Amino acid sequence: MSSCLFCRIVAGEIPATRVAESANVLAFRDLQPEAPTHVLLIPREHVASSAAELTESHAAMLGELFELAARIARDEQLERGWRLVTNVGAEGGQSVHHLHVHLLGGRPMQWPPG
């Protein structure tokens, strides 16, 4: 989708600080970090607008995304803890309609968030 912000990042049309990547997933630093480590992990393909639209066909990509998240957490030395978050819909805080997961770490996380 040419108008999708994250699709344009994948295509290299918009710069991003890339942290890691795999065949189907790209990870880059959030421009407005909410923690010392704040990385967004996105599928390279515009496969879903939100987690609510995922199907069994996305299982392999999701496995790859979670493996990459764990590798980034190790590389960022987040052994004391980290969090993965996905926002779904307006009330869930979703602002970009391309599936993405936030990896947050480097500080104590509170519960409940928000």
PDB file of N, CA and C in Angstrom:
ATOM      1  N   MET A   1       0.850  -1.184   0.000  1.00  0.00           N
ATOM      2  CA  MET A   1       0.000   0.000   0.000  1.00  0.00           C
ATOM      3  C   MET A   1       0.890   1.240   0.000  1.00  0.00           C
ATOM      4  N   SER A   2       0.841   1.995  -1.058  1.00  0.00           N
ATOM      5  CA  SER A   2       1.748   3.126  -1.210  1.00  0.00           C
ATOM      6  C   SER A   2       1.490   4.251  -0.218  1.00  0.00           C
ATOM      7  N   SER A   3       0.293   4.349   0.333  1.00  0.00           N
ATOM      8  CA  SER A   3       0.000   5.413   1.285  1.00  0.00           C
ATOM      9  C   SER A   3       0.297   5.013   2.726  1.00  0.00           C
ATOM     10  N   CYS A   4       0.589   3.751   2.970  1.00  0.00           N
ATOM     11  CA  CYS A   4       0.840   3.273   4.324  1.00  0.00           C
ATOM     12  C   CYS A   4       2.240   3.688   4.777  1.00  0.00           C
ATOM     13  N   LEU A   5       2.328   4.366   5.911  1.00  0.00           N
ATOM     14  CA  LEU A   5       3.598   4.828   6.457  1.00  0.00           C
ATOM     15  C   LEU A   5       4.604   3.687   6.585  1.00  0.00           C
ATOM     16  N   PHE A   6       4.178   2.565   7.166  1.00  0.00           N
ATOM     17  CA  PHE A   6       5.116   1.468   7.391  1.00  0.00           C
ATOM     18  C   PHE A   6       5.505   0.777   6.084  1.00  0.00           C
ATOM     19  N   CYS A   7       4.600   0.690   5.129  1.00  0.00           N
ATOM     20  CA  CYS A   7       4.958   0.137   3.814  1.00  0.00           C
ATOM     21  C   CYS A   7       6.008   1.017   3.147  1.00  0.00           C
ATOM     22  N   ARG A   8       5.911   2.314   3.330  1.00  0.00           N
ATOM     23  CA  ARG A   8       6.889   3.241   2.756  1.00  0.00           C
ATOM     24  C   ARG A   8       8.240   3.115   3.449  1.00  0.00           C
ATOM     25  N   ILE A   9       8.247   2.810   4.746  1.00  0.00           N
ATOM     26  CA  ILE A   9       9.511   2.551   5.451  1.00  0.00           C
ATOM     27  C   ILE A   9      10.143   1.277   4.912  1.00  0.00           C
ATOM     28  N   VAL A  10       9.346   0.221   4.759  1.00  0.00           N
ATOM     29  CA  VAL A  10       9.858  -1.038   4.204  1.00  0.00           C
ATOM     30  C   VAL A  10      10.472  -0.795   2.826  1.00  0.00           C
ATOM     31  N   ALA A  11       9.820   0.015   2.004  1.00  0.00           N
ATOM     32  CA  ALA A  11      10.282   0.290   0.641  1.00  0.00           C
ATOM     33  C   ALA A  11      11.499   1.214   0.600  1.00  0.00           C
ATOM     34  N   GLY A  12      11.868   1.797   1.743  1.00  0.00           N
ATOM     35  CA  GLY A  12      12.999   2.712   1.783  1.00  0.00           C
ATOM     36  C   GLY A  12      12.656   4.125   1.369  1.00  0.00           C
ATOM     37  N   GLU A  13      11.372   4.431   1.219  1.00  0.00           N
ATOM     38  CA  GLU A  13      10.936   5.772   0.827  1.00  0.00           C
ATOM     39  C   GLU A  13      10.994   6.749   1.996  1.00  0.00           C
ATOM     40  N   ILE A  14      10.874   6.234   3.203  1.00  0.00           N
ATOM     41  CA  ILE A  14      10.950   7.036   4.422  1.00  0.00           C
ATOM     42  C   ILE A  14      12.067   6.444   5.267  1.00  0.00           C
ATOM     43  N   PRO A  15      12.999   7.282   5.753  1.00  0.00           N
ATOM     44  CA  PRO A  15      14.107   6.736   6.540  1.00  0.00           C
ATOM     45  C   PRO A  15      13.650   6.243   7.910  1.00  0.00           C
ATOM     46  N   ALA A  16      14.349   5.241   8.391  1.00  0.00           N
ATOM     47  CA  ALA A  16      14.116   4.701   9.732  1.00  0.00           C
ATOM     48  C   ALA A  16      15.431   4.111  10.218  1.00  0.00           C
ATOM     49  N   THR A  17      15.625   4.123  11.527  1.00  0.00           N
ATOM     50  CA  THR A  17      16.811   3.509  12.111  1.00  0.00           C
ATOM     51  C   THR A  17      16.526   2.033  12.292  1.00  0.00           C
ATOM     52  N   ARG A  18      17.003   1.253  11.343  1.00  0.00           N
ATOM     53  CA  ARG A  18      16.757  -0.194  11.354  1.00  0.00           C
ATOM     54  C   ARG A  18      17.619  -0.854  12.418  1.00  0.00           C
ATOM     55  N   VAL A  19      16.981  -1.758  13.166  1.00  0.00           N
ATOM     56  CA  VAL A  19      17.656  -2.466  14.251  1.00  0.00           C
ATOM     57  C   VAL A  19      17.973  -3.893  13.832  1.00  0.00           C
ATOM     58  N   ALA A  20      17.035  -4.527  13.169  1.00  0.00           N
ATOM     59  CA  ALA A  20      17.195  -5.918  12.738  1.00  0.00           C
ATOM     60  C   ALA A  20      16.161  -6.189  11.661  1.00  0.00           C
ATOM     61  N   GLU A  21      16.399  -7.258  10.915  1.00  0.00           N
ATOM     62  CA  GLU A  21      15.422  -7.651   9.909  1.00  0.00           C
ATOM     63  C   GLU A  21      15.586  -9.116   9.582  1.00  0.00           C
ATOM     64  N   SER A  22      14.528  -9.655   9.042  1.00  0.00           N
ATOM     65  CA  SER A  22      14.526 -11.040   8.584  1.00  0.00           C
ATOM     66  C   SER A  22      13.804 -11.050   7.239  1.00  0.00           C
ATOM     67  N   ALA A  23      13.567 -12.217   6.715  1.00  0.00           N
ATOM     68  CA  ALA A  23      12.921 -12.314   5.405  1.00  0.00           C
ATOM     69  C   ALA A  23      11.565 -11.620   5.368  1.00  0.00           C
ATOM     70  N   ASN A  24      10.801 -11.720   6.459  1.00  0.00           N
ATOM     71  CA  ASN A  24       9.425 -11.219   6.454  1.00  0.00           C
ATOM     72  C   ASN A  24       9.135 -10.115   7.459  1.00  0.00           C
ATOM     73  N   VAL A  25      10.128  -9.727   8.262  1.00  0.00           N
ATOM     74  CA  VAL A  25       9.897  -8.769   9.347  1.00  0.00           C
ATOM     75  C   VAL A  25      11.010  -7.721   9.356  1.00  0.00           C
ATOM     76  N   LEU A  26      10.628  -6.476   9.621  1.00  0.00           N
ATOM     77  CA  LEU A  26      11.573  -5.373   9.763  1.00  0.00           C
ATOM     78  C   LEU A  26      11.393  -4.773  11.150  1.00  0.00           C
ATOM     79  N   ALA A  27      12.504  -4.441  11.813  1.00  0.00           N
ATOM     80  CA  ALA A  27      12.462  -3.816  13.135  1.00  0.00           C
ATOM     81  C   ALA A  27      13.244  -2.505  13.078  1.00  0.00           C
ATOM     82  N   PHE A  28      12.639  -1.444  13.612  1.00  0.00           N
ATOM     83  CA  PHE A  28      13.290  -0.136  13.606  1.00  0.00           C
ATOM     84  C   PHE A  28      12.900   0.635  14.862  1.00  0.00           C
ATOM     85  N   ARG A  29      13.716   1.633  15.214  1.00  0.00           N
ATOM     86  CA  ARG A  29      13.483   2.418  16.429  1.00  0.00           C
ATOM     87  C   ARG A  29      12.274   3.343  16.249  1.00  0.00           C
ATOM     88  N   ASP A  30      11.480   3.440  17.322  1.00  0.00           N
ATOM     89  CA  ASP A  30      10.331   4.345  17.325  1.00  0.00           C
ATOM     90  C   ASP A  30      10.842   5.784  17.388  1.00  0.00           C
ATOM     91  N   LEU A  31      10.233   6.688  16.631  1.00  0.00           N
ATOM     92  CA  LEU A  31      10.644   8.090  16.633  1.00  0.00           C
ATOM     93  C   LEU A  31      10.257   8.820  17.911  1.00  0.00           C
ATOM     94  N   GLN A  32       9.265   8.304  18.629  1.00  0.00           N
ATOM     95  CA  GLN A  32       8.826   8.909  19.883  1.00  0.00           C
ATOM     96  C   GLN A  32       8.858   7.836  20.967  1.00  0.00           C
ATOM     97  N   PRO A  33      10.062   7.462  21.413  1.00  0.00           N
ATOM     98  CA  PRO A  33      10.185   6.323  22.328  1.00  0.00           C
ATOM     99  C   PRO A  33       9.510   6.556  23.676  1.00  0.00           C
ATOM    100  N   GLU A  34       8.882   5.497  24.162  1.00  0.00           N
ATOM    101  CA  GLU A  34       8.231   5.492  25.474  1.00  0.00           C
ATOM    102  C   GLU A  34       9.086   4.773  26.518  1.00  0.00           C
ATOM    103  N   ALA A  35      10.272   4.320  26.118  1.00  0.00           N
ATOM    104  CA  ALA A  35      11.203   3.624  27.005  1.00  0.00           C
ATOM    105  C   ALA A  35      12.594   3.770  26.395  1.00  0.00           C
ATOM    106  N   PRO A  36      13.652   3.526  27.186  1.00  0.00           N
ATOM    107  CA  PRO A  36      15.002   3.611  26.627  1.00  0.00           C
ATOM    108  C   PRO A  36      15.190   2.748  25.375  1.00  0.00           C
ATOM    109  N   THR A  37      14.584   1.575  25.365  1.00  0.00           N
ATOM    110  CA  THR A  37      14.530   0.766  24.151  1.00  0.00           C
ATOM    111  C   THR A  37      13.077   0.719  23.702  1.00  0.00           C
ATOM    112  N   HIS A  38      12.816   1.227  22.509  1.00  0.00           N
ATOM    113  CA  HIS A  38      11.466   1.186  21.935  1.00  0.00           C
ATOM    114  C   HIS A  38      11.632   0.912  20.445  1.00  0.00           C
ATOM    115  N   VAL A  39      11.356  -0.321  20.075  1.00  0.00           N
ATOM    116  CA  VAL A  39      11.534  -0.787  18.706  1.00  0.00           C
ATOM    117  C   VAL A  39      10.185  -1.245  18.170  1.00  0.00           C
ATOM    118  N   LEU A  40       9.896  -0.921  16.922  1.00  0.00           N
ATOM    119  CA  LEU A  40       8.692  -1.401  16.250  1.00  0.00           C
ATOM    120  C   LEU A  40       9.071  -2.564  15.352  1.00  0.00           C
ATOM    121  N   LEU A  41       8.311  -3.636  15.428  1.00  0.00           N
ATOM    122  CA  LEU A  41       8.491  -4.792  14.550  1.00  0.00           C
ATOM    123  C   LEU A  41       7.275  -4.874  13.651  1.00  0.00           C
ATOM    124  N   ILE A  42       7.514  -4.921  12.344  1.00  0.00           N
ATOM    125  CA  ILE A  42       6.417  -4.924  11.380  1.00  0.00           C
ATOM    126  C   ILE A  42       6.639  -6.004  10.329  1.00  0.00           C
ATOM    127  N   PRO A  43       5.562  -6.582   9.810  1.00  0.00           N
ATOM    128  CA  PRO A  43       5.726  -7.451   8.650  1.00  0.00           C
ATOM    129  C   PRO A  43       6.115  -6.593   7.442  1.00  0.00           C
ATOM    130  N   ARG A  44       6.988  -7.124   6.603  1.00  0.00           N
ATOM    131  CA  ARG A  44       7.388  -6.389   5.395  1.00  0.00           C
ATOM    132  C   ARG A  44       6.200  -6.201   4.450  1.00  0.00           C
ATOM    133  N   GLU A  45       5.325  -7.173   4.439  1.00  0.00           N
ATOM    134  CA  GLU A  45       4.140  -7.115   3.590  1.00  0.00           C
ATOM    135  C   GLU A  45       2.980  -6.551   4.408  1.00  0.00           C
ATOM    136  N   HIS A  46       2.139  -5.764   3.782  1.00  0.00           N
ATOM    137  CA  HIS A  46       0.967  -5.210   4.468  1.00  0.00           C
ATOM    138  C   HIS A  46      -0.071  -6.329   4.616  1.00  0.00           C
ATOM    139  N   VAL A  47       0.171  -7.223   5.575  1.00  0.00           N
ATOM    140  CA  VAL A  47      -0.657  -8.424   5.694  1.00  0.00           C
ATOM    141  C   VAL A  47      -1.911  -8.229   6.526  1.00  0.00           C
ATOM    142  N   ALA A  48      -1.915  -7.246   7.404  1.00  0.00           N
ATOM    143  CA  ALA A  48      -3.094  -7.031   8.255  1.00  0.00           C
ATOM    144  C   ALA A  48      -3.043  -5.617   8.809  1.00  0.00           C
ATOM    145  N   SER A  49      -4.196  -5.032   8.991  1.00  0.00           N
ATOM    146  CA  SER A  49      -4.247  -3.705   9.591  1.00  0.00           C
ATOM    147  C   SER A  49      -4.095  -3.755  11.097  1.00  0.00           C
ATOM    148  N   SER A  50      -4.498  -4.852  11.703  1.00  0.00           N
ATOM    149  CA  SER A  50      -4.363  -4.983  13.152  1.00  0.00           C
ATOM    150  C   SER A  50      -4.365  -6.457  13.523  1.00  0.00           C
ATOM    151  N   ALA A  51      -4.062  -6.709  14.775  1.00  0.00           N
ATOM    152  CA  ALA A  51      -4.050  -8.087  15.269  1.00  0.00           C
ATOM    153  C   ALA A  51      -5.429  -8.725  15.153  1.00  0.00           C
ATOM    154  N   ALA A  52      -6.480  -7.912  15.125  1.00  0.00           N
ATOM    155  CA  ALA A  52      -7.840  -8.453  15.029  1.00  0.00           C
ATOM    156  C   ALA A  52      -8.098  -9.127  13.685  1.00  0.00           C
ATOM    157  N   GLU A  53      -7.278  -8.841  12.683  1.00  0.00           N
ATOM    158  CA  GLU A  53      -7.483  -9.383  11.343  1.00  0.00           C
ATOM    159  C   GLU A  53      -6.556 -10.546  11.011  1.00  0.00           C
ATOM    160  N   LEU A  54      -5.766 -10.994  11.968  1.00  0.00           N
ATOM    161  CA  LEU A  54      -4.831 -12.088  11.699  1.00  0.00           C
ATOM    162  C   LEU A  54      -5.561 -13.408  11.497  1.00  0.00           C
ATOM    163  N   THR A  55      -4.985 -14.240  10.647  1.00  0.00           N
ATOM    164  CA  THR A  55      -5.523 -15.573  10.402  1.00  0.00           C
ATOM    165  C   THR A  55      -4.395 -16.587  10.547  1.00  0.00           C
ATOM    166  N   GLU A  56      -4.742 -17.843  10.416  1.00  0.00           N
ATOM    167  CA  GLU A  56      -3.748 -18.912  10.510  1.00  0.00           C
ATOM    168  C   GLU A  56      -2.645 -18.747   9.463  1.00  0.00           C
ATOM    169  N   SER A  57      -2.946 -18.115   8.352  1.00  0.00           N
ATOM    170  CA  SER A  57      -1.943 -17.923   7.297  1.00  0.00           C
ATOM    171  C   SER A  57      -0.798 -17.009   7.726  1.00  0.00           C
ATOM    172  N   HIS A  58      -0.977 -16.273   8.814  1.00  0.00           N
ATOM    173  CA  HIS A  58       0.057 -15.370   9.309  1.00  0.00           C
ATOM    174  C   HIS A  58       0.953 -16.016  10.367  1.00  0.00           C
ATOM    175  N   ALA A  59       0.725 -17.274  10.685  1.00  0.00           N
ATOM    176  CA  ALA A  59       1.435 -17.929  11.794  1.00  0.00           C
ATOM    177  C   ALA A  59       2.950 -17.911  11.619  1.00  0.00           C
ATOM    178  N   ALA A  60       3.449 -18.242  10.449  1.00  0.00           N
ATOM    179  CA  ALA A  60       4.904 -18.295  10.242  1.00  0.00           C
ATOM    180  C   ALA A  60       5.528 -16.912  10.407  1.00  0.00           C
ATOM    181  N   MET A  61       4.894 -15.882   9.843  1.00  0.00           N
ATOM    182  CA  MET A  61       5.411 -14.525   9.973  1.00  0.00           C
ATOM    183  C   MET A  61       5.420 -14.096  11.431  1.00  0.00           C
ATOM    184  N   LEU A  62       4.359 -14.437  12.178  1.00  0.00           N
ATOM    185  CA  LEU A  62       4.311 -14.065  13.592  1.00  0.00           C
ATOM    186  C   LEU A  62       5.400 -14.769  14.386  1.00  0.00           C
ATOM    187  N   GLY A  63       5.655 -16.034  14.073  1.00  0.00           N
ATOM    188  CA  GLY A  63       6.749 -16.744  14.730  1.00  0.00           C
ATOM    189  C   GLY A  63       8.074 -16.049  14.474  1.00  0.00           C
ATOM    190  N   GLU A  64       8.283 -15.636  13.246  1.00  0.00           N
ATOM    191  CA  GLU A  64       9.498 -14.914  12.870  1.00  0.00           C
ATOM    192  C   GLU A  64       9.594 -13.586  13.621  1.00  0.00           C
ATOM    193  N   LEU A  65       8.464 -12.892  13.748  1.00  0.00           N
ATOM    194  CA  LEU A  65       8.435 -11.615  14.452  1.00  0.00           C
ATOM    195  C   LEU A  65       8.829 -11.796  15.917  1.00  0.00           C
ATOM    196  N   PHE A  66       8.274 -12.806  16.578  1.00  0.00           N
ATOM    197  CA  PHE A  66       8.589 -13.035  17.989  1.00  0.00           C
ATOM    198  C   PHE A  66      10.035 -13.495  18.171  1.00  0.00           C
ATOM    199  N   GLU A  67      10.553 -14.298  17.256  1.00  0.00           N
ATOM    200  CA  GLU A  67      11.965 -14.693  17.325  1.00  0.00           C
ATOM    201  C   GLU A  67      12.871 -13.477  17.176  1.00  0.00           C
ATOM    202  N   LEU A  68      12.539 -12.586  16.248  1.00  0.00           N
ATOM    203  CA  LEU A  68      13.335 -11.382  16.048  1.00  0.00           C
ATOM    204  C   LEU A  68      13.253 -10.475  17.272  1.00  0.00           C
ATOM    205  N   ALA A  69      12.078 -10.372  17.886  1.00  0.00           N
ATOM    206  CA  ALA A  69      11.925  -9.567  19.102  1.00  0.00           C
ATOM    207  C   ALA A  69      12.836 -10.094  20.210  1.00  0.00           C
ATOM    208  N   ALA A  70      12.879 -11.400  20.388  1.00  0.00           N
ATOM    209  CA  ALA A  70      13.731 -11.990  21.422  1.00  0.00           C
ATOM    210  C   ALA A  70      15.204 -11.720  21.124  1.00  0.00           C
ATOM    211  N   ARG A  71      15.588 -11.796  19.860  1.00  0.00           N
ATOM    212  CA  ARG A  71      16.977 -11.512  19.489  1.00  0.00           C
ATOM    213  C   ARG A  71      17.330 -10.054  19.770  1.00  0.00           C
ATOM    214  N   ILE A  72      16.429  -9.147  19.441  1.00  0.00           N
ATOM    215  CA  ILE A  72      16.668  -7.728  19.712  1.00  0.00           C
ATOM    216  C   ILE A  72      16.792  -7.492  21.213  1.00  0.00           C
ATOM    217  N   ALA A  73      15.917  -8.103  22.004  1.00  0.00           N
ATOM    218  CA  ALA A  73      15.978  -7.948  23.463  1.00  0.00           C
ATOM    219  C   ALA A  73      17.336  -8.412  23.990  1.00  0.00           C
ATOM    220  N   ARG A  74      17.844  -9.523  23.473  1.00  0.00           N
ATOM    221  CA  ARG A  74      19.184  -9.986  23.879  1.00  0.00           C
ATOM    222  C   ARG A  74      20.246  -8.977  23.454  1.00  0.00           C
ATOM    223  N   ASP A  75      20.179  -8.526  22.207  1.00  0.00           N
ATOM    224  CA  ASP A  75      21.165  -7.576  21.690  1.00  0.00           C
ATOM    225  C   ASP A  75      21.140  -6.255  22.455  1.00  0.00           C
ATOM    226  N   GLU A  76      19.963  -5.850  22.914  1.00  0.00           N
ATOM    227  CA  GLU A  76      19.804  -4.601  23.665  1.00  0.00           C
ATOM    228  C   GLU A  76      20.064  -4.793  25.162  1.00  0.00           C
ATOM    229  N   GLN A  77      20.427  -6.009  25.546  1.00  0.00           N
ATOM    230  CA  GLN A  77      20.741  -6.365  26.942  1.00  0.00           C
ATOM    231  C   GLN A  77      19.571  -6.068  27.883  1.00  0.00           C
ATOM    232  N   LEU A  78      18.406  -6.546  27.494  1.00  0.00           N
ATOM    233  CA  LEU A  78      17.193  -6.340  28.290  1.00  0.00           C
ATOM    234  C   LEU A  78      16.888  -7.551  29.169  1.00  0.00           C
ATOM    235  N   GLU A  79      17.924  -8.180  29.701  1.00  0.00           N
ATOM    236  CA  GLU A  79      17.724  -9.401  30.484  1.00  0.00           C
ATOM    237  C   GLU A  79      16.888  -9.182  31.745  1.00  0.00           C
ATOM    238  N   ARG A  80      16.748  -7.952  32.211  1.00  0.00           N
ATOM    239  CA  ARG A  80      15.934  -7.689  33.407  1.00  0.00           C
ATOM    240  C   ARG A  80      14.446  -7.649  33.087  1.00  0.00           C
ATOM    241  N   GLY A  81      14.109  -7.571  31.793  1.00  0.00           N
ATOM    242  CA  GLY A  81      12.703  -7.601  31.400  1.00  0.00           C
ATOM    243  C   GLY A  81      12.401  -6.677  30.238  1.00  0.00           C
ATOM    244  N   TRP A  82      11.360  -7.043  29.520  1.00  0.00           N
ATOM    245  CA  TRP A  82      10.904  -6.260  28.378  1.00  0.00           C
ATOM    246  C   TRP A  82       9.452  -6.593  28.106  1.00  0.00           C
ATOM    247  N   ARG A  83       8.828  -5.804  27.262  1.00  0.00           N
ATOM    248  CA  ARG A  83       7.397  -5.964  26.992  1.00  0.00           C
ATOM    249  C   ARG A  83       7.144  -5.867  25.491  1.00  0.00           C
ATOM    250  N   LEU A  84       6.194  -6.681  25.022  1.00  0.00           N
ATOM    251  CA  LEU A  84       5.692  -6.577  23.656  1.00  0.00           C
ATOM    252  C   LEU A  84       4.252  -6.104  23.726  1.00  0.00           C
ATOM    253  N   VAL A  85       3.909  -5.109  22.911  1.00  0.00           N
ATOM    254  CA  VAL A  85       2.569  -4.523  22.928  1.00  0.00           C
ATOM    255  C   VAL A  85       2.087  -4.347  21.495  1.00  0.00           C
ATOM    256  N   THR A  86       0.827  -4.667  21.267  1.00  0.00           N
ATOM    257  CA  THR A  86       0.190  -4.289  20.009  1.00  0.00           C
ATOM    258  C   THR A  86      -1.112  -3.568  20.338  1.00  0.00           C
ATOM    259  N   ASN A  87      -1.346  -2.476  19.649  1.00  0.00           N
ATOM    260  CA  ASN A  87      -2.553  -1.681  19.856  1.00  0.00           C
ATOM    261  C   ASN A  87      -3.545  -2.009  18.745  1.00  0.00           C
ATOM    262  N   VAL A  88      -4.802  -2.195  19.113  1.00  0.00           N
ATOM    263  CA  VAL A  88      -5.833  -2.560  18.142  1.00  0.00           C
ATOM    264  C   VAL A  88      -6.981  -1.560  18.241  1.00  0.00           C
ATOM    265  N   GLY A  89      -7.261  -0.870  17.147  1.00  0.00           N
ATOM    266  CA  GLY A  89      -8.390   0.051  17.097  1.00  0.00           C
ATOM    267  C   GLY A  89      -8.117   1.376  17.784  1.00  0.00           C
ATOM    268  N   ALA A  90      -9.030   2.312  17.571  1.00  0.00           N
ATOM    269  CA  ALA A  90      -8.867   3.669  18.095  1.00  0.00           C
ATOM    270  C   ALA A  90      -8.755   3.693  19.616  1.00  0.00           C
ATOM    271  N   GLU A  91      -9.635   2.982  20.304  1.00  0.00           N
ATOM    272  CA  GLU A  91      -9.587   2.989  21.768  1.00  0.00           C
ATOM    273  C   GLU A  91      -8.402   2.209  22.312  1.00  0.00           C
ATOM    274  N   GLY A  92      -7.823   1.344  21.501  1.00  0.00           N
ATOM    275  CA  GLY A  92      -6.618   0.621  21.896  1.00  0.00           C
ATOM    276  C   GLY A  92      -5.349   1.407  21.628  1.00  0.00           C
ATOM    277  N   GLY A  93      -5.477   2.570  21.001  1.00  0.00           N
ATOM    278  CA  GLY A  93      -4.328   3.427  20.753  1.00  0.00           C
ATOM    279  C   GLY A  93      -3.645   3.203  19.416  1.00  0.00           C
ATOM    280  N   GLN A  94      -4.266   2.441  18.511  1.00  0.00           N
ATOM    281  CA  GLN A  94      -3.649   2.183  17.211  1.00  0.00           C
ATOM    282  C   GLN A  94      -3.690   3.443  16.356  1.00  0.00           C
ATOM    283  N   SER A  95      -2.528   3.845  15.832  1.00  0.00           N
ATOM    284  CA  SER A  95      -2.477   5.042  14.989  1.00  0.00           C
ATOM    285  C   SER A  95      -2.025   4.733  13.564  1.00  0.00           C
ATOM    286  N   VAL A  96      -1.325   3.631  13.349  1.00  0.00           N
ATOM    287  CA  VAL A  96      -0.907   3.216  12.008  1.00  0.00           C
ATOM    288  C   VAL A  96      -1.578   1.884  11.713  1.00  0.00           C
ATOM    289  N   HIS A  97      -2.290   1.816  10.615  1.00  0.00           N
ATOM    290  CA  HIS A  97      -3.067   0.616  10.290  1.00  0.00           C
ATOM    291  C   HIS A  97      -2.275  -0.350   9.415  1.00  0.00           C
ATOM    292  N   HIS A  98      -1.193  -0.809  10.000  1.00  0.00           N
ATOM    293  CA  HIS A  98      -0.317  -1.852   9.453  1.00  0.00           C
ATOM    294  C   HIS A  98       0.122  -2.605  10.699  1.00  0.00           C
ATOM    295  N   LEU A  99      -0.091  -3.895  10.732  1.00  0.00           N
ATOM    296  CA  LEU A  99       0.235  -4.666  11.927  1.00  0.00           C
ATOM    297  C   LEU A  99       1.625  -4.301  12.428  1.00  0.00           C
ATOM    298  N   HIS A 100       1.743  -3.996  13.712  1.00  0.00           N
ATOM    299  CA  HIS A 100       3.046  -3.728  14.307  1.00  0.00           C
ATOM    300  C   HIS A 100       3.018  -4.054  15.789  1.00  0.00           C
ATOM    301  N   VAL A 101       4.189  -4.408  16.286  1.00  0.00           N
ATOM    302  CA  VAL A 101       4.365  -4.758  17.694  1.00  0.00           C
ATOM    303  C   VAL A 101       5.460  -3.858  18.253  1.00  0.00           C
ATOM    304  N   HIS A 102       5.200  -3.277  19.419  1.00  0.00           N
ATOM    305  CA  HIS A 102       6.182  -2.446  20.109  1.00  0.00           C
ATOM    306  C   HIS A 102       6.985  -3.325  21.057  1.00  0.00           C
ATOM    307  N   LEU A 103       8.304  -3.242  20.993  1.00  0.00           N
ATOM    308  CA  LEU A 103       9.176  -3.864  21.984  1.00  0.00           C
ATOM    309  C   LEU A 103       9.682  -2.737  22.870  1.00  0.00           C
ATOM    310  N   LEU A 104       9.370  -2.823  24.161  1.00  0.00           N
ATOM    311  CA  LEU A 104       9.741  -1.789  25.122  1.00  0.00           C
ATOM    312  C   LEU A 104      10.597  -2.401  26.218  1.00  0.00           C
ATOM    313  N   GLY A 105      11.641  -1.693  26.619  1.00  0.00           N
ATOM    314  CA  GLY A 105      12.483  -2.191  27.700  1.00  0.00           C
ATOM    315  C   GLY A 105      13.466  -1.125  28.151  1.00  0.00           C
ATOM    316  N   GLY A 106      14.261  -1.487  29.140  1.00  0.00           N
ATOM    317  CA  GLY A 106      15.265  -0.568  29.656  1.00  0.00           C
ATOM    318  C   GLY A 106      14.804   0.244  30.848  1.00  0.00           C
ATOM    319  N   ARG A 107      13.599  -0.024  31.326  1.00  0.00           N
ATOM    320  CA  ARG A 107      13.075   0.623  32.544  1.00  0.00           C
ATOM    321  C   ARG A 107      12.011  -0.290  33.123  1.00  0.00           C
ATOM    322  N   PRO A 108      11.675  -0.123  34.409  1.00  0.00           N
ATOM    323  CA  PRO A 108      10.591  -0.931  34.977  1.00  0.00           C
ATOM    324  C   PRO A 108       9.262  -0.599  34.290  1.00  0.00           C
ATOM    325  N   MET A 109       8.501  -1.617  33.972  1.00  0.00           N
ATOM    326  CA  MET A 109       7.196  -1.447  33.339  1.00  0.00           C
ATOM    327  C   MET A 109       6.111  -1.508  34.420  1.00  0.00           C
ATOM    328  N   GLN A 110       5.118  -0.685  34.275  1.00  0.00           N
ATOM    329  CA  GLN A 110       4.015  -0.634  35.235  1.00  0.00           C
ATOM    330  C   GLN A 110       2.814  -1.405  34.695  1.00  0.00           C
ATOM    331  N   TRP A 111       1.945  -1.837  35.594  1.00  0.00           N
ATOM    332  CA  TRP A 111       0.697  -2.473  35.199  1.00  0.00           C
ATOM    333  C   TRP A 111      -0.416  -1.915  36.056  1.00  0.00           C
ATOM    334  N   PRO A 112      -1.537  -1.539  35.542  1.00  0.00           N
ATOM    335  CA  PRO A 112      -1.873  -1.596  34.120  1.00  0.00           C
ATOM    336  C   PRO A 112      -1.233  -0.438  33.364  1.00  0.00           C
ATOM    337  N   PRO A 113      -0.909  -0.662  32.075  1.00  0.00           N
ATOM    338  CA  PRO A 113      -0.360   0.424  31.258  1.00  0.00           C
ATOM    339  C   PRO A 113      -1.459   1.398  30.871  1.00  0.00           C
ATOM    340  N   GLY A 114      -1.070   2.567  30.425  1.00  0.00           N
ATOM    341  CA  GLY A 114      -2.032   3.562  29.922  1.00  0.00           C
ATOM    342  C   GLY A 114      -2.775   4.141  31.040  1.00  0.00           C
TER     343      GLY A 114
END
